[in-house]
Amino acid sequence: MLDYLGLCPRNKAVRIFSIRAFFNYKKFEQDVLTNADENVDVGIAILDLDYFKNVNDTYGHEVGNQVLRQFSIFLRENLAYKLSPTDLGIYRYGGEEFVWIFNPSMFTDVKHFLKNIQNDFLEIPLGDKGHHMSFSVGISFSRHHKYNLKLTFDAADDLLYRSKKNGRGHIVVENDY
């Protein structure tokens, strides 16, 4: 398992993990924004680091990049193993926002699953200043949007903003509010 500095503890020769290891926005556009409607239920979760701008403004972009790298590794380790072969994956959508597209049938309670991950993340000291940060999440399902992934993404985005409006560190799931 990678540590949160991006090095493999058993093999120091492994390169530092890059946030570019996620699918980028162009790939996101191809997979989601131009997706043809299919009758397959897909979950879209948008995860956003809370108060990330404060880290950049207070400690500089180098510390901000360390925090982003650690968050990226954490997401990869905790979400990627839950992907099925038909899932689209994890995308860096922008800044401190990541999009996780998953098969909802793999979960009995995706909110509970993400809450456990969120609690684990709160325990990790981030950057060289040892910050503890939370993240907020909005989750939507394509079955509520005629299986259109663009509409599903837009709904997840609205739910993310609702979660931030309620405070930070919240998870808002479609039809669960």
N, C-alpha and C. Protein backbone atom coordinates (compact mmCIF):
# COMPACT_ATOMS: atom_id res chain seq x y z
N MET A 1 0.85 -1.18 0.00
CA MET A 1 0.00 0.00 0.00
C MET A 1 0.89 1.24 0.00
N LEU A 2 0.55 2.21 -0.79
CA LEU A 2 1.32 3.45 -0.82
C LEU A 2 1.12 4.21 0.47
N ASP A 3 2.17 4.88 0.94
CA ASP A 3 1.95 5.75 2.08
C ASP A 3 1.42 7.08 1.57
N TYR A 4 1.09 7.98 2.46
CA TYR A 4 0.43 9.21 2.04
C TYR A 4 1.39 10.29 1.59
N LEU A 5 2.68 9.98 1.50
CA LEU A 5 3.62 10.89 0.86
C LEU A 5 3.83 10.50 -0.58
N GLY A 6 3.28 9.36 -0.98
CA GLY A 6 3.36 8.95 -2.36
C GLY A 6 4.49 7.99 -2.65
N LEU A 7 5.14 7.46 -1.64
CA LEU A 7 6.20 6.49 -1.87
C LEU A 7 5.78 5.13 -1.35
N CYS A 8 6.20 4.12 -2.02
CA CYS A 8 5.93 2.76 -1.58
C CYS A 8 6.92 2.44 -0.46
N PRO A 9 6.47 2.10 0.74
CA PRO A 9 7.39 1.88 1.85
C PRO A 9 8.37 0.73 1.61
N ARG A 10 8.00 -0.23 0.81
CA ARG A 10 8.88 -1.37 0.56
C ARG A 10 9.87 -1.10 -0.56
N ASN A 11 9.58 -0.14 -1.41
CA ASN A 11 10.44 0.10 -2.56
C ASN A 11 10.58 1.61 -2.75
N LYS A 12 11.62 2.18 -2.19
CA LYS A 12 11.81 3.63 -2.25
C LYS A 12 12.09 4.13 -3.66
N ALA A 13 12.33 3.21 -4.59
CA ALA A 13 12.60 3.62 -5.97
C ALA A 13 11.32 3.97 -6.73
N VAL A 14 10.17 3.63 -6.15
CA VAL A 14 8.91 3.95 -6.83
C VAL A 14 8.76 5.46 -6.89
N ARG A 15 8.36 5.97 -8.05
CA ARG A 15 8.22 7.41 -8.23
C ARG A 15 7.10 7.97 -7.37
N ILE A 16 7.20 9.24 -7.06
CA ILE A 16 6.15 9.91 -6.30
C ILE A 16 4.86 9.86 -7.08
N PHE A 17 3.79 9.52 -6.41
CA PHE A 17 2.47 9.43 -7.02
C PHE A 17 2.07 10.80 -7.55
N SER A 18 1.48 10.84 -8.69
CA SER A 18 1.06 12.09 -9.31
C SER A 18 -0.46 12.14 -9.36
N ILE A 19 -1.00 13.34 -9.11
CA ILE A 19 -2.45 13.48 -9.24
C ILE A 19 -2.87 13.33 -10.69
N ARG A 20 -1.88 13.34 -11.60
CA ARG A 20 -2.19 13.09 -13.00
C ARG A 20 -2.51 11.62 -13.25
N ALA A 21 -2.38 10.77 -12.23
CA ALA A 21 -2.69 9.35 -12.39
C ALA A 21 -4.20 9.12 -12.53
N PHE A 22 -4.98 10.14 -12.23
CA PHE A 22 -6.42 10.05 -12.41
C PHE A 22 -6.77 10.42 -13.84
N PHE A 23 -7.96 9.99 -14.27
CA PHE A 23 -8.44 10.46 -15.55
C PHE A 23 -8.57 11.98 -15.48
N ASN A 24 -8.32 12.67 -16.58
CA ASN A 24 -8.40 14.12 -16.59
C ASN A 24 -9.75 14.60 -17.10
N TYR A 25 -9.89 15.92 -17.18
CA TYR A 25 -11.16 16.50 -17.58
C TYR A 25 -11.55 16.12 -19.00
N LYS A 26 -10.57 16.04 -19.89
CA LYS A 26 -10.89 15.67 -21.28
C LYS A 26 -11.50 14.27 -21.33
N LYS A 27 -10.93 13.34 -20.58
CA LYS A 27 -11.46 11.98 -20.52
C LYS A 27 -12.84 12.00 -19.85
N PHE A 28 -13.01 12.84 -18.85
CA PHE A 28 -14.30 12.99 -18.19
C PHE A 28 -15.35 13.45 -19.20
N GLU A 29 -15.00 14.44 -20.00
CA GLU A 29 -15.93 14.91 -21.03
C GLU A 29 -16.33 13.78 -21.98
N GLN A 30 -15.36 13.00 -22.41
CA GLN A 30 -15.64 11.89 -23.32
C GLN A 30 -16.56 10.86 -22.68
N ASP A 31 -16.29 10.51 -21.44
CA ASP A 31 -17.02 9.44 -20.78
C ASP A 31 -18.38 9.87 -20.24
N VAL A 32 -18.49 11.11 -19.79
CA VAL A 32 -19.69 11.53 -19.08
C VAL A 32 -20.49 12.57 -19.85
N LEU A 33 -19.86 13.65 -20.20
CA LEU A 33 -20.62 14.76 -20.78
C LEU A 33 -21.15 14.46 -22.17
N THR A 34 -20.50 13.55 -22.88
CA THR A 34 -20.98 13.19 -24.21
C THR A 34 -21.53 11.78 -24.25
N ASN A 35 -21.81 11.23 -23.08
CA ASN A 35 -22.29 9.86 -22.96
C ASN A 35 -23.66 9.69 -23.58
N ALA A 36 -23.80 8.66 -24.37
CA ALA A 36 -25.13 8.31 -24.90
C ALA A 36 -25.94 7.70 -23.77
N ASP A 37 -27.20 7.98 -23.74
CA ASP A 37 -28.05 7.44 -22.69
C ASP A 37 -28.13 5.92 -22.81
N GLU A 38 -27.89 5.24 -21.71
CA GLU A 38 -28.02 3.79 -21.65
C GLU A 38 -28.84 3.47 -20.42
N ASN A 39 -29.51 2.37 -20.43
CA ASN A 39 -30.35 2.00 -19.29
C ASN A 39 -29.54 1.23 -18.25
N VAL A 40 -28.44 1.83 -17.84
CA VAL A 40 -27.58 1.25 -16.81
C VAL A 40 -27.47 2.25 -15.68
N ASP A 41 -27.79 1.82 -14.47
CA ASP A 41 -27.70 2.73 -13.34
C ASP A 41 -26.24 2.96 -12.98
N VAL A 42 -25.88 4.22 -12.87
CA VAL A 42 -24.53 4.64 -12.53
C VAL A 42 -24.62 5.64 -11.39
N GLY A 43 -23.72 5.52 -10.43
CA GLY A 43 -23.62 6.51 -9.37
C GLY A 43 -22.50 7.48 -9.69
N ILE A 44 -22.75 8.75 -9.42
CA ILE A 44 -21.70 9.76 -9.57
C ILE A 44 -21.58 10.49 -8.24
N ALA A 45 -20.36 10.44 -7.70
CA ALA A 45 -20.05 11.16 -6.47
C ALA A 45 -19.00 12.22 -6.79
N ILE A 46 -19.26 13.44 -6.36
CA ILE A 46 -18.28 14.51 -6.49
C ILE A 46 -17.75 14.79 -5.09
N LEU A 47 -16.44 14.67 -4.94
CA LEU A 47 -15.77 14.86 -3.66
C LEU A 47 -14.92 16.12 -3.73
N ASP A 48 -15.04 16.97 -2.72
CA ASP A 48 -14.35 18.25 -2.73
C ASP A 48 -13.71 18.49 -1.36
N LEU A 49 -12.39 18.77 -1.37
CA LEU A 49 -11.69 19.08 -0.11
C LEU A 49 -12.25 20.37 0.47
N ASP A 50 -12.56 20.34 1.75
CA ASP A 50 -13.11 21.51 2.42
C ASP A 50 -12.00 22.50 2.79
N TYR A 51 -12.26 23.76 2.55
CA TYR A 51 -11.36 24.87 2.90
C TYR A 51 -9.97 24.72 2.28
N PHE A 52 -9.89 24.09 1.13
CA PHE A 52 -8.59 23.90 0.49
C PHE A 52 -7.95 25.24 0.12
N LYS A 53 -8.74 26.20 -0.30
CA LYS A 53 -8.21 27.51 -0.68
C LYS A 53 -7.45 28.13 0.49
N ASN A 54 -7.93 27.91 1.72
CA ASN A 54 -7.24 28.44 2.89
C ASN A 54 -5.83 27.87 3.03
N VAL A 55 -5.67 26.59 2.69
CA VAL A 55 -4.34 25.97 2.76
C VAL A 55 -3.41 26.66 1.77
N ASN A 56 -3.87 26.81 0.52
CA ASN A 56 -3.04 27.48 -0.50
C ASN A 56 -2.72 28.92 -0.09
N ASP A 57 -3.72 29.64 0.39
CA ASP A 57 -3.53 31.05 0.74
C ASP A 57 -2.63 31.22 1.96
N THR A 58 -2.73 30.32 2.91
CA THR A 58 -1.97 30.44 4.15
C THR A 58 -0.55 29.88 4.04
N TYR A 59 -0.41 28.72 3.41
CA TYR A 59 0.87 28.02 3.41
C TYR A 59 1.54 27.94 2.05
N GLY A 60 0.85 28.34 1.00
CA GLY A 60 1.43 28.33 -0.33
C GLY A 60 1.02 27.11 -1.14
N HIS A 61 1.29 27.20 -2.43
CA HIS A 61 0.87 26.16 -3.36
C HIS A 61 1.66 24.86 -3.20
N GLU A 62 2.88 24.94 -2.70
CA GLU A 62 3.65 23.71 -2.50
C GLU A 62 2.98 22.82 -1.46
N VAL A 63 2.56 23.42 -0.35
CA VAL A 63 1.84 22.65 0.67
C VAL A 63 0.49 22.20 0.11
N GLY A 64 -0.17 23.08 -0.64
CA GLY A 64 -1.44 22.71 -1.26
C GLY A 64 -1.28 21.51 -2.18
N ASN A 65 -0.21 21.48 -2.95
CA ASN A 65 0.05 20.34 -3.83
C ASN A 65 0.32 19.07 -3.03
N GLN A 66 1.01 19.19 -1.91
CA GLN A 66 1.24 18.02 -1.05
C GLN A 66 -0.10 17.46 -0.56
N VAL A 67 -0.97 18.36 -0.12
CA VAL A 67 -2.28 17.95 0.38
C VAL A 67 -3.09 17.28 -0.73
N LEU A 68 -3.08 17.87 -1.93
CA LEU A 68 -3.79 17.28 -3.06
C LEU A 68 -3.24 15.91 -3.41
N ARG A 69 -1.93 15.77 -3.39
CA ARG A 69 -1.31 14.48 -3.70
C ARG A 69 -1.75 13.43 -2.67
N GLN A 70 -1.74 13.81 -1.40
CA GLN A 70 -2.14 12.86 -0.36
C GLN A 70 -3.62 12.50 -0.48
N PHE A 71 -4.46 13.48 -0.78
CA PHE A 71 -5.88 13.22 -0.96
C PHE A 71 -6.10 12.30 -2.16
N SER A 72 -5.35 12.54 -3.22
CA SER A 72 -5.44 11.69 -4.42
C SER A 72 -5.09 10.24 -4.11
N ILE A 73 -4.01 10.05 -3.42
CA ILE A 73 -3.59 8.70 -3.05
C ILE A 73 -4.65 8.04 -2.17
N PHE A 74 -5.14 8.81 -1.22
CA PHE A 74 -6.17 8.29 -0.32
C PHE A 74 -7.40 7.84 -1.12
N LEU A 75 -7.85 8.68 -2.06
CA LEU A 75 -9.01 8.31 -2.87
C LEU A 75 -8.73 7.07 -3.70
N ARG A 76 -7.56 7.02 -4.32
CA ARG A 76 -7.20 5.87 -5.15
C ARG A 76 -7.22 4.60 -4.30
N GLU A 77 -6.64 4.64 -3.12
CA GLU A 77 -6.57 3.46 -2.27
C GLU A 77 -7.94 3.04 -1.73
N ASN A 78 -8.81 4.00 -1.50
CA ASN A 78 -10.08 3.69 -0.85
C ASN A 78 -11.27 3.55 -1.79
N LEU A 79 -11.14 4.04 -3.02
CA LEU A 79 -12.26 3.97 -3.96
C LEU A 79 -11.98 3.05 -5.14
N ALA A 80 -10.76 3.02 -5.63
CA ALA A 80 -10.47 2.29 -6.86
C ALA A 80 -10.75 0.80 -6.72
N TYR A 81 -10.50 0.22 -5.55
CA TYR A 81 -10.75 -1.21 -5.39
C TYR A 81 -12.23 -1.55 -5.47
N LYS A 82 -13.08 -0.55 -5.32
CA LYS A 82 -14.53 -0.77 -5.41
C LYS A 82 -15.05 -0.67 -6.83
N LEU A 83 -14.18 -0.37 -7.79
CA LEU A 83 -14.62 -0.25 -9.17
C LEU A 83 -14.79 -1.63 -9.79
N SER A 84 -15.88 -1.79 -10.52
CA SER A 84 -16.07 -3.02 -11.27
C SER A 84 -15.49 -2.80 -12.67
N PRO A 85 -15.30 -3.85 -13.44
CA PRO A 85 -14.72 -3.69 -14.78
C PRO A 85 -15.51 -2.76 -15.70
N THR A 86 -16.79 -2.57 -15.41
CA THR A 86 -17.61 -1.71 -16.27
C THR A 86 -17.68 -0.27 -15.77
N ASP A 87 -17.14 0.01 -14.58
CA ASP A 87 -17.17 1.37 -14.04
C ASP A 87 -16.25 2.27 -14.83
N LEU A 88 -16.57 3.55 -14.86
CA LEU A 88 -15.77 4.50 -15.60
C LEU A 88 -14.54 4.94 -14.81
N GLY A 89 -14.61 5.10 -13.51
CA GLY A 89 -13.42 5.38 -12.74
C GLY A 89 -13.46 6.63 -11.90
N ILE A 90 -12.24 7.14 -11.64
CA ILE A 90 -12.04 8.31 -10.80
C ILE A 90 -11.37 9.38 -11.66
N TYR A 91 -11.91 10.59 -11.60
CA TYR A 91 -11.43 11.69 -12.43
C TYR A 91 -11.05 12.86 -11.54
N ARG A 92 -9.99 13.55 -11.91
CA ARG A 92 -9.73 14.83 -11.29
C ARG A 92 -10.49 15.84 -12.12
N TYR A 93 -11.51 16.43 -11.52
CA TYR A 93 -12.39 17.32 -12.27
C TYR A 93 -11.83 18.73 -12.32
N GLY A 94 -11.16 19.12 -11.29
CA GLY A 94 -10.57 20.45 -11.25
C GLY A 94 -10.08 20.72 -9.85
N GLY A 95 -9.13 21.60 -9.71
CA GLY A 95 -8.64 22.00 -8.39
C GLY A 95 -8.63 20.88 -7.39
N GLU A 96 -9.49 21.00 -6.41
CA GLU A 96 -9.58 20.00 -5.33
C GLU A 96 -10.84 19.13 -5.46
N GLU A 97 -11.43 19.10 -6.64
CA GLU A 97 -12.63 18.28 -6.87
C GLU A 97 -12.28 17.02 -7.66
N PHE A 98 -12.85 15.92 -7.20
CA PHE A 98 -12.68 14.63 -7.85
C PHE A 98 -14.06 14.03 -8.09
N VAL A 99 -14.20 13.30 -9.18
CA VAL A 99 -15.45 12.65 -9.52
C VAL A 99 -15.22 11.15 -9.50
N TRP A 100 -16.05 10.45 -8.76
CA TRP A 100 -15.99 8.99 -8.69
C TRP A 100 -17.26 8.44 -9.33
N ILE A 101 -17.10 7.65 -10.38
CA ILE A 101 -18.24 7.04 -11.05
C ILE A 101 -18.21 5.56 -10.74
N PHE A 102 -19.31 5.08 -10.18
CA PHE A 102 -19.32 3.73 -9.62
C PHE A 102 -20.64 3.01 -9.91
N ASN A 103 -20.62 1.72 -9.68
CA ASN A 103 -21.79 0.88 -9.82
C ASN A 103 -22.53 0.85 -8.48
N PRO A 104 -23.71 1.46 -8.39
CA PRO A 104 -24.42 1.52 -7.12
C PRO A 104 -24.80 0.15 -6.55
N SER A 105 -24.90 -0.85 -7.40
CA SER A 105 -25.30 -2.17 -6.91
C SER A 105 -24.20 -2.82 -6.05
N MET A 106 -23.01 -2.23 -6.04
CA MET A 106 -21.92 -2.77 -5.21
C MET A 106 -22.03 -2.32 -3.75
N PHE A 107 -23.03 -1.50 -3.44
CA PHE A 107 -23.16 -0.95 -2.09
C PHE A 107 -24.57 -1.15 -1.55
N THR A 108 -24.64 -1.47 -0.28
CA THR A 108 -25.94 -1.44 0.38
C THR A 108 -26.23 -0.03 0.88
N ASP A 109 -25.15 0.71 1.21
CA ASP A 109 -25.31 2.08 1.70
C ASP A 109 -24.04 2.87 1.34
N VAL A 110 -24.03 3.51 0.19
CA VAL A 110 -22.85 4.23 -0.27
C VAL A 110 -22.53 5.41 0.65
N LYS A 111 -23.55 6.00 1.26
CA LYS A 111 -23.29 7.11 2.18
C LYS A 111 -22.50 6.62 3.39
N HIS A 112 -22.89 5.49 3.93
CA HIS A 112 -22.18 4.91 5.08
C HIS A 112 -20.74 4.56 4.68
N PHE A 113 -20.57 3.97 3.50
CA PHE A 113 -19.24 3.63 2.99
C PHE A 113 -18.36 4.88 2.93
N LEU A 114 -18.88 5.96 2.34
CA LEU A 114 -18.10 7.19 2.21
C LEU A 114 -17.90 7.88 3.56
N LYS A 115 -18.85 7.76 4.47
CA LYS A 115 -18.67 8.35 5.80
C LYS A 115 -17.51 7.68 6.52
N ASN A 116 -17.39 6.36 6.39
CA ASN A 116 -16.24 5.66 6.99
C ASN A 116 -14.93 6.14 6.38
N ILE A 117 -14.91 6.32 5.07
CA ILE A 117 -13.71 6.82 4.40
C ILE A 117 -13.42 8.25 4.87
N GLN A 118 -14.45 9.03 4.99
CA GLN A 118 -14.29 10.41 5.44
C GLN A 118 -13.68 10.45 6.85
N ASN A 119 -14.16 9.59 7.73
CA ASN A 119 -13.63 9.53 9.09
C ASN A 119 -12.16 9.11 9.10
N ASP A 120 -11.81 8.15 8.24
CA ASP A 120 -10.41 7.74 8.13
C ASP A 120 -9.54 8.90 7.64
N PHE A 121 -10.04 9.66 6.68
CA PHE A 121 -9.28 10.78 6.13
C PHE A 121 -9.01 11.85 7.18
N LEU A 122 -9.97 12.07 8.06
CA LEU A 122 -9.80 13.08 9.11
C LEU A 122 -8.63 12.77 10.04
N GLU A 123 -8.22 11.51 10.10
CA GLU A 123 -7.14 11.09 10.98
C GLU A 123 -5.75 11.29 10.37
N ILE A 124 -5.67 11.59 9.09
CA ILE A 124 -4.38 11.66 8.40
C ILE A 124 -3.82 13.08 8.47
N PRO A 125 -2.61 13.24 9.02
CA PRO A 125 -1.97 14.57 8.97
C PRO A 125 -1.49 14.84 7.54
N LEU A 126 -1.87 15.98 7.00
CA LEU A 126 -1.60 16.30 5.59
C LEU A 126 -0.54 17.38 5.45
N GLY A 127 0.24 17.27 4.38
CA GLY A 127 1.26 18.26 4.10
C GLY A 127 2.32 18.28 5.19
N ASP A 128 3.28 19.15 5.05
CA ASP A 128 4.34 19.21 6.06
C ASP A 128 3.90 19.96 7.32
N LYS A 129 2.69 20.52 7.29
CA LYS A 129 2.14 21.20 8.46
C LYS A 129 1.21 20.30 9.27
N GLY A 130 0.95 19.09 8.78
CA GLY A 130 0.12 18.13 9.51
C GLY A 130 -1.34 18.53 9.65
N HIS A 131 -1.89 19.17 8.63
CA HIS A 131 -3.30 19.56 8.66
C HIS A 131 -4.21 18.33 8.72
N HIS A 132 -5.35 18.51 9.31
CA HIS A 132 -6.40 17.50 9.24
C HIS A 132 -7.56 18.17 8.52
N MET A 133 -7.99 17.56 7.43
CA MET A 133 -9.02 18.18 6.59
C MET A 133 -10.16 17.21 6.36
N SER A 134 -11.29 17.79 6.04
CA SER A 134 -12.47 17.00 5.69
C SER A 134 -12.74 17.20 4.20
N PHE A 135 -13.70 16.42 3.71
CA PHE A 135 -14.17 16.64 2.34
C PHE A 135 -15.68 16.49 2.34
N SER A 136 -16.30 17.15 1.40
CA SER A 136 -17.75 17.10 1.23
C SER A 136 -18.06 16.31 -0.03
N VAL A 137 -19.28 15.73 -0.06
CA VAL A 137 -19.65 14.86 -1.18
C VAL A 137 -21.09 15.11 -1.58
N GLY A 138 -21.33 15.09 -2.89
CA GLY A 138 -22.68 15.06 -3.45
C GLY A 138 -22.78 13.82 -4.32
N ILE A 139 -23.86 13.04 -4.16
CA ILE A 139 -24.01 11.77 -4.88
C ILE A 139 -25.37 11.72 -5.57
N SER A 140 -25.33 11.36 -6.85
CA SER A 140 -26.54 11.22 -7.64
C SER A 140 -26.50 9.90 -8.41
N PHE A 141 -27.68 9.47 -8.87
CA PHE A 141 -27.79 8.19 -9.58
C PHE A 141 -28.51 8.40 -10.91
N SER A 142 -27.97 7.76 -11.93
CA SER A 142 -28.52 7.97 -13.28
C SER A 142 -29.96 7.49 -13.42
N ARG A 143 -30.39 6.54 -12.60
CA ARG A 143 -31.77 6.05 -12.70
C ARG A 143 -32.78 7.18 -12.43
N HIS A 144 -32.35 8.22 -11.71
CA HIS A 144 -33.23 9.35 -11.42
C HIS A 144 -33.21 10.40 -12.53
N HIS A 145 -32.37 10.19 -13.54
CA HIS A 145 -32.19 11.19 -14.61
C HIS A 145 -32.24 10.55 -15.99
N LYS A 146 -33.12 9.57 -16.11
CA LYS A 146 -33.32 8.87 -17.39
C LYS A 146 -32.00 8.33 -17.94
N TYR A 147 -31.11 7.94 -17.03
CA TYR A 147 -29.81 7.33 -17.35
C TYR A 147 -28.88 8.26 -18.12
N ASN A 148 -29.14 9.54 -18.05
CA ASN A 148 -28.29 10.53 -18.71
C ASN A 148 -27.20 10.96 -17.72
N LEU A 149 -25.94 10.68 -18.06
CA LEU A 149 -24.84 10.95 -17.13
C LEU A 149 -24.56 12.43 -16.95
N LYS A 150 -24.82 13.23 -17.95
CA LYS A 150 -24.64 14.68 -17.81
C LYS A 150 -25.62 15.23 -16.78
N LEU A 151 -26.89 14.82 -16.88
CA LEU A 151 -27.88 15.27 -15.90
C LEU A 151 -27.57 14.72 -14.51
N THR A 152 -27.06 13.50 -14.46
CA THR A 152 -26.68 12.89 -13.19
C THR A 152 -25.53 13.66 -12.55
N PHE A 153 -24.54 14.00 -13.37
CA PHE A 153 -23.42 14.79 -12.87
C PHE A 153 -23.90 16.15 -12.35
N ASP A 154 -24.75 16.82 -13.12
CA ASP A 154 -25.26 18.13 -12.70
C ASP A 154 -25.99 18.03 -11.36
N ALA A 155 -26.76 16.96 -11.17
CA ALA A 155 -27.46 16.75 -9.90
C ALA A 155 -26.46 16.52 -8.77
N ALA A 156 -25.42 15.72 -9.02
CA ALA A 156 -24.40 15.47 -7.99
C ALA A 156 -23.70 16.78 -7.63
N ASP A 157 -23.45 17.62 -8.61
CA ASP A 157 -22.82 18.91 -8.36
C ASP A 157 -23.70 19.79 -7.48
N ASP A 158 -24.99 19.82 -7.78
CA ASP A 158 -25.93 20.58 -6.94
C ASP A 158 -25.95 20.03 -5.51
N LEU A 159 -25.90 18.72 -5.38
CA LEU A 159 -25.90 18.10 -4.06
C LEU A 159 -24.61 18.39 -3.30
N LEU A 160 -23.49 18.48 -4.02
CA LEU A 160 -22.23 18.86 -3.38
C LEU A 160 -22.34 20.26 -2.79
N TYR A 161 -22.89 21.18 -3.55
CA TYR A 161 -23.05 22.54 -3.04
C TYR A 161 -24.03 22.58 -1.86
N ARG A 162 -25.03 21.74 -1.90
CA ARG A 162 -25.95 21.65 -0.76
C ARG A 162 -25.21 21.13 0.48
N SER A 163 -24.33 20.15 0.28
CA SER A 163 -23.58 19.61 1.42
C SER A 163 -22.66 20.67 2.01
N LYS A 164 -22.06 21.50 1.18
CA LYS A 164 -21.19 22.57 1.67
C LYS A 164 -22.00 23.67 2.36
N LYS A 165 -23.19 23.91 1.84
CA LYS A 165 -24.05 24.92 2.45
C LYS A 165 -24.48 24.50 3.86
N ASN A 166 -24.61 23.19 4.07
CA ASN A 166 -24.98 22.66 5.38
C ASN A 166 -23.82 22.64 6.35
N GLY A 167 -22.66 23.05 5.92
CA GLY A 167 -21.42 22.96 6.70
C GLY A 167 -20.44 22.14 5.90
N ARG A 168 -19.33 21.86 6.44
CA ARG A 168 -18.34 21.07 5.72
C ARG A 168 -18.33 19.65 6.26
N GLY A 169 -17.80 18.73 5.44
CA GLY A 169 -17.70 17.35 5.87
C GLY A 169 -19.01 16.59 5.77
N HIS A 170 -19.93 17.11 4.98
CA HIS A 170 -21.23 16.44 4.82
C HIS A 170 -21.27 15.63 3.54
N ILE A 171 -22.12 14.63 3.55
CA ILE A 171 -22.39 13.81 2.37
C ILE A 171 -23.87 13.90 2.10
N VAL A 172 -24.24 14.39 0.92
CA VAL A 172 -25.65 14.50 0.55
C VAL A 172 -25.89 13.54 -0.62
N VAL A 173 -26.83 12.65 -0.41
CA VAL A 173 -27.19 11.65 -1.40
C VAL A 173 -28.56 11.98 -1.96
N GLU A 174 -28.69 11.86 -3.26
CA GLU A 174 -29.96 12.12 -3.92
C GLU A 174 -31.08 11.31 -3.27
N ASN A 175 -32.20 11.96 -3.06
CA ASN A 175 -33.38 11.36 -2.42
C ASN A 175 -33.13 10.95 -0.99
N ASP A 176 -32.13 11.57 -0.36
CA ASP A 176 -31.79 11.28 1.02
C ASP A 176 -31.73 12.58 1.83
N TYR A 177 -32.54 13.54 1.42
CA TYR A 177 -32.51 14.83 2.12
C TYR A 177 -33.92 15.37 2.29
